[in-house]
Amino acid sequence: MPKLFKVDGDIYFQKIGEGIFKIENGQPVLVVDNPIVQDNILVNIFKIKDELLFQTQEVGIYKFKNSKLLLWEVASNKIISKLSVIVVFN
């Protein structure tokens, strides 16, 4: 489990090969099982306008809407798609 993410009081985590889970009543519940989050490392999860967004290390930012994972459409997508995000922990 690479990292835990706290978003609006909810705790999320990623299991590579499985997807994104949310802790509910102390138990992991699978939230997203799309290949994008199964096969790519997440570096951040955040919320904008009540939509969860998942920032991957190398394939961009995706929003989770109506149980679907969609590329977050922003003007900077061309630049973002060429970058790799490196997270350093102290």
C-alpha atoms as a PDB file:
ATOM      1  CA  MET A   1       0.000   0.000   0.000  1.00  0.00           C
ATOM      2  CA  PRO A   2       1.958   3.041  -1.227  1.00  0.00           C
ATOM      3  CA  LYS A   3       0.003   5.835   0.478  1.00  0.00           C
ATOM      4  CA  LEU A   4      -3.190   6.738   2.330  1.00  0.00           C
ATOM      5  CA  PHE A   5      -5.222   9.727   1.175  1.00  0.00           C
ATOM      6  CA  LYS A   6      -7.628  11.702   3.388  1.00  0.00           C
ATOM      7  CA  VAL A   7     -10.364  13.509   1.453  1.00  0.00           C
ATOM      8  CA  ASP A   8     -13.206  15.254   3.320  1.00  0.00           C
ATOM      9  CA  GLY A   9     -12.733  12.952   6.297  1.00  0.00           C
ATOM     10  CA  ASP A  10     -12.739   9.771   4.193  1.00  0.00           C
ATOM     11  CA  ILE A  11      -9.645   7.563   3.915  1.00  0.00           C
ATOM     12  CA  TYR A  12      -8.694   6.100   0.518  1.00  0.00           C
ATOM     13  CA  PHE A  13      -5.824   3.881  -0.577  1.00  0.00           C
ATOM     14  CA  GLN A  14      -4.649   2.146  -3.713  1.00  0.00           C
ATOM     15  CA  LYS A  15      -3.710  -1.484  -4.202  1.00  0.00           C
ATOM     16  CA  ILE A  16      -1.766  -1.914  -7.428  1.00  0.00           C
ATOM     17  CA  GLY A  17      -3.486  -4.520  -9.588  1.00  0.00           C
ATOM     18  CA  GLU A  18      -6.799  -4.092  -7.725  1.00  0.00           C
ATOM     19  CA  GLY A  19      -7.864  -0.433  -7.599  1.00  0.00           C
ATOM     20  CA  ILE A  20      -8.835   2.274  -5.119  1.00  0.00           C
ATOM     21  CA  PHE A  21     -10.415   1.425  -1.799  1.00  0.00           C
ATOM     22  CA  LYS A  22     -12.217   3.494   0.828  1.00  0.00           C
ATOM     23  CA  ILE A  23     -12.238   2.615   4.509  1.00  0.00           C
ATOM     24  CA  GLU A  24     -15.828   2.256   5.743  1.00  0.00           C
ATOM     25  CA  ASN A  25     -16.532   1.064   9.286  1.00  0.00           C
ATOM     26  CA  GLY A  26     -12.920  -0.090   9.525  1.00  0.00           C
ATOM     27  CA  GLN A  27     -13.148  -2.275   6.411  1.00  0.00           C
ATOM     28  CA  PRO A  28     -11.759  -1.689   2.898  1.00  0.00           C
ATOM     29  CA  VAL A  29     -14.432  -1.209   0.223  1.00  0.00           C
ATOM     30  CA  LEU A  30     -13.464  -1.213  -3.458  1.00  0.00           C
ATOM     31  CA  VAL A  31     -14.473   2.124  -5.015  1.00  0.00           C
ATOM     32  CA  VAL A  32     -12.728   2.125  -8.414  1.00  0.00           C
ATOM     33  CA  ASP A  33     -11.419  -0.938 -10.264  1.00  0.00           C
ATOM     34  CA  ASN A  34     -10.571   0.706 -13.586  1.00  0.00           C
ATOM     35  CA  PRO A  35      -7.284  -0.440 -15.231  1.00  0.00           C
ATOM     36  CA  ILE A  36      -5.959   3.144 -15.082  1.00  0.00           C
ATOM     37  CA  VAL A  37      -5.833   3.027 -11.277  1.00  0.00           C
ATOM     38  CA  GLN A  38      -4.994  -0.669 -11.158  1.00  0.00           C
ATOM     39  CA  ASP A  39      -1.872  -0.266 -13.310  1.00  0.00           C
ATOM     40  CA  ASN A  40      -0.609   3.254 -12.469  1.00  0.00           C
ATOM     41  CA  ILE A  41       0.675   4.708  -9.221  1.00  0.00           C
ATOM     42  CA  LEU A  42      -1.517   7.369  -7.613  1.00  0.00           C
ATOM     43  CA  VAL A  43       0.217  10.390  -6.128  1.00  0.00           C
ATOM     44  CA  ASN A  44      -2.859  12.271  -4.941  1.00  0.00           C
ATOM     45  CA  ILE A  45      -6.608  12.092  -4.498  1.00  0.00           C
ATOM     46  CA  PHE A  46      -8.565  15.312  -4.081  1.00  0.00           C
ATOM     47  CA  LYS A  47     -12.023  16.750  -4.584  1.00  0.00           C
ATOM     48  CA  ILE A  48     -13.244  19.635  -6.741  1.00  0.00           C
ATOM     49  CA  LYS A  49     -16.949  20.491  -6.953  1.00  0.00           C
ATOM     50  CA  ASP A  50     -17.907  17.246  -5.183  1.00  0.00           C
ATOM     51  CA  GLU A  51     -16.008  15.128  -7.742  1.00  0.00           C
ATOM     52  CA  LEU A  52     -13.106  12.915  -6.752  1.00  0.00           C
ATOM     53  CA  LEU A  53      -9.972  13.415  -8.827  1.00  0.00           C
ATOM     54  CA  PHE A  54      -7.124  10.922  -9.021  1.00  0.00           C
ATOM     55  CA  GLN A  55      -3.668  12.188  -9.953  1.00  0.00           C
ATOM     56  CA  THR A  56      -1.447   9.456 -11.365  1.00  0.00           C
ATOM     57  CA  GLN A  57       2.306   9.500 -11.504  1.00  0.00           C
ATOM     58  CA  GLU A  58       2.531   9.301 -15.292  1.00  0.00           C
ATOM     59  CA  VAL A  59      -0.822   9.220 -17.097  1.00  0.00           C
ATOM     60  CA  GLY A  60      -2.538  12.403 -15.926  1.00  0.00           C
ATOM     61  CA  ILE A  61      -5.473  13.320 -13.723  1.00  0.00           C
ATOM     62  CA  TYR A  62      -8.813  11.513 -13.857  1.00  0.00           C
ATOM     63  CA  LYS A  63     -12.183  12.349 -12.352  1.00  0.00           C
ATOM     64  CA  PHE A  64     -14.582   9.814 -10.931  1.00  0.00           C
ATOM     65  CA  LYS A  65     -18.123  10.649 -12.022  1.00  0.00           C
ATOM     66  CA  ASN A  66     -21.215   8.435 -12.194  1.00  0.00           C
ATOM     67  CA  SER A  67     -19.070   5.373 -11.354  1.00  0.00           C
ATOM     68  CA  LYS A  68     -16.801   6.076 -14.350  1.00  0.00           C
ATOM     69  CA  LEU A  69     -13.193   7.213 -14.523  1.00  0.00           C
ATOM     70  CA  LEU A  70     -12.735   9.984 -17.108  1.00  0.00           C
ATOM     71  CA  LEU A  71      -9.719  12.047 -18.100  1.00  0.00           C
ATOM     72  CA  TRP A  72     -10.008  15.419 -16.371  1.00  0.00           C
ATOM     73  CA  GLU A  73     -10.441  17.888 -19.230  1.00  0.00           C
ATOM     74  CA  VAL A  74      -8.302  20.946 -18.579  1.00  0.00           C
ATOM     75  CA  ALA A  75      -6.355  23.187 -20.934  1.00  0.00           C
ATOM     76  CA  SER A  76      -3.027  21.973 -19.527  1.00  0.00           C
ATOM     77  CA  ASN A  77      -3.603  18.273 -20.398  1.00  0.00           C
ATOM     78  CA  LYS A  78      -0.949  18.335 -23.152  1.00  0.00           C
ATOM     79  CA  ILE A  79       1.650  19.556 -20.673  1.00  0.00           C
ATOM     80  CA  ILE A  80       0.496  17.299 -17.815  1.00  0.00           C
ATOM     81  CA  SER A  81       0.551  14.189 -20.006  1.00  0.00           C
ATOM     82  CA  LYS A  82       4.260  14.724 -20.725  1.00  0.00           C
ATOM     83  CA  LEU A  83       5.250  15.015 -17.057  1.00  0.00           C
ATOM     84  CA  SER A  84       6.101  12.422 -14.441  1.00  0.00           C
ATOM     85  CA  VAL A  85       5.275  13.256 -10.826  1.00  0.00           C
ATOM     86  CA  ILE A  86       7.814  12.254  -8.212  1.00  0.00           C
ATOM     87  CA  VAL A  87       6.764  12.194  -4.565  1.00  0.00           C
ATOM     88  CA  VAL A  88       9.419  12.449  -1.879  1.00  0.00           C
ATOM     89  CA  PHE A  89       8.625  11.467   1.708  1.00  0.00           C
ATOM     90  CA  ASN A  90      10.646  12.724   4.669  1.00  0.00           C
END
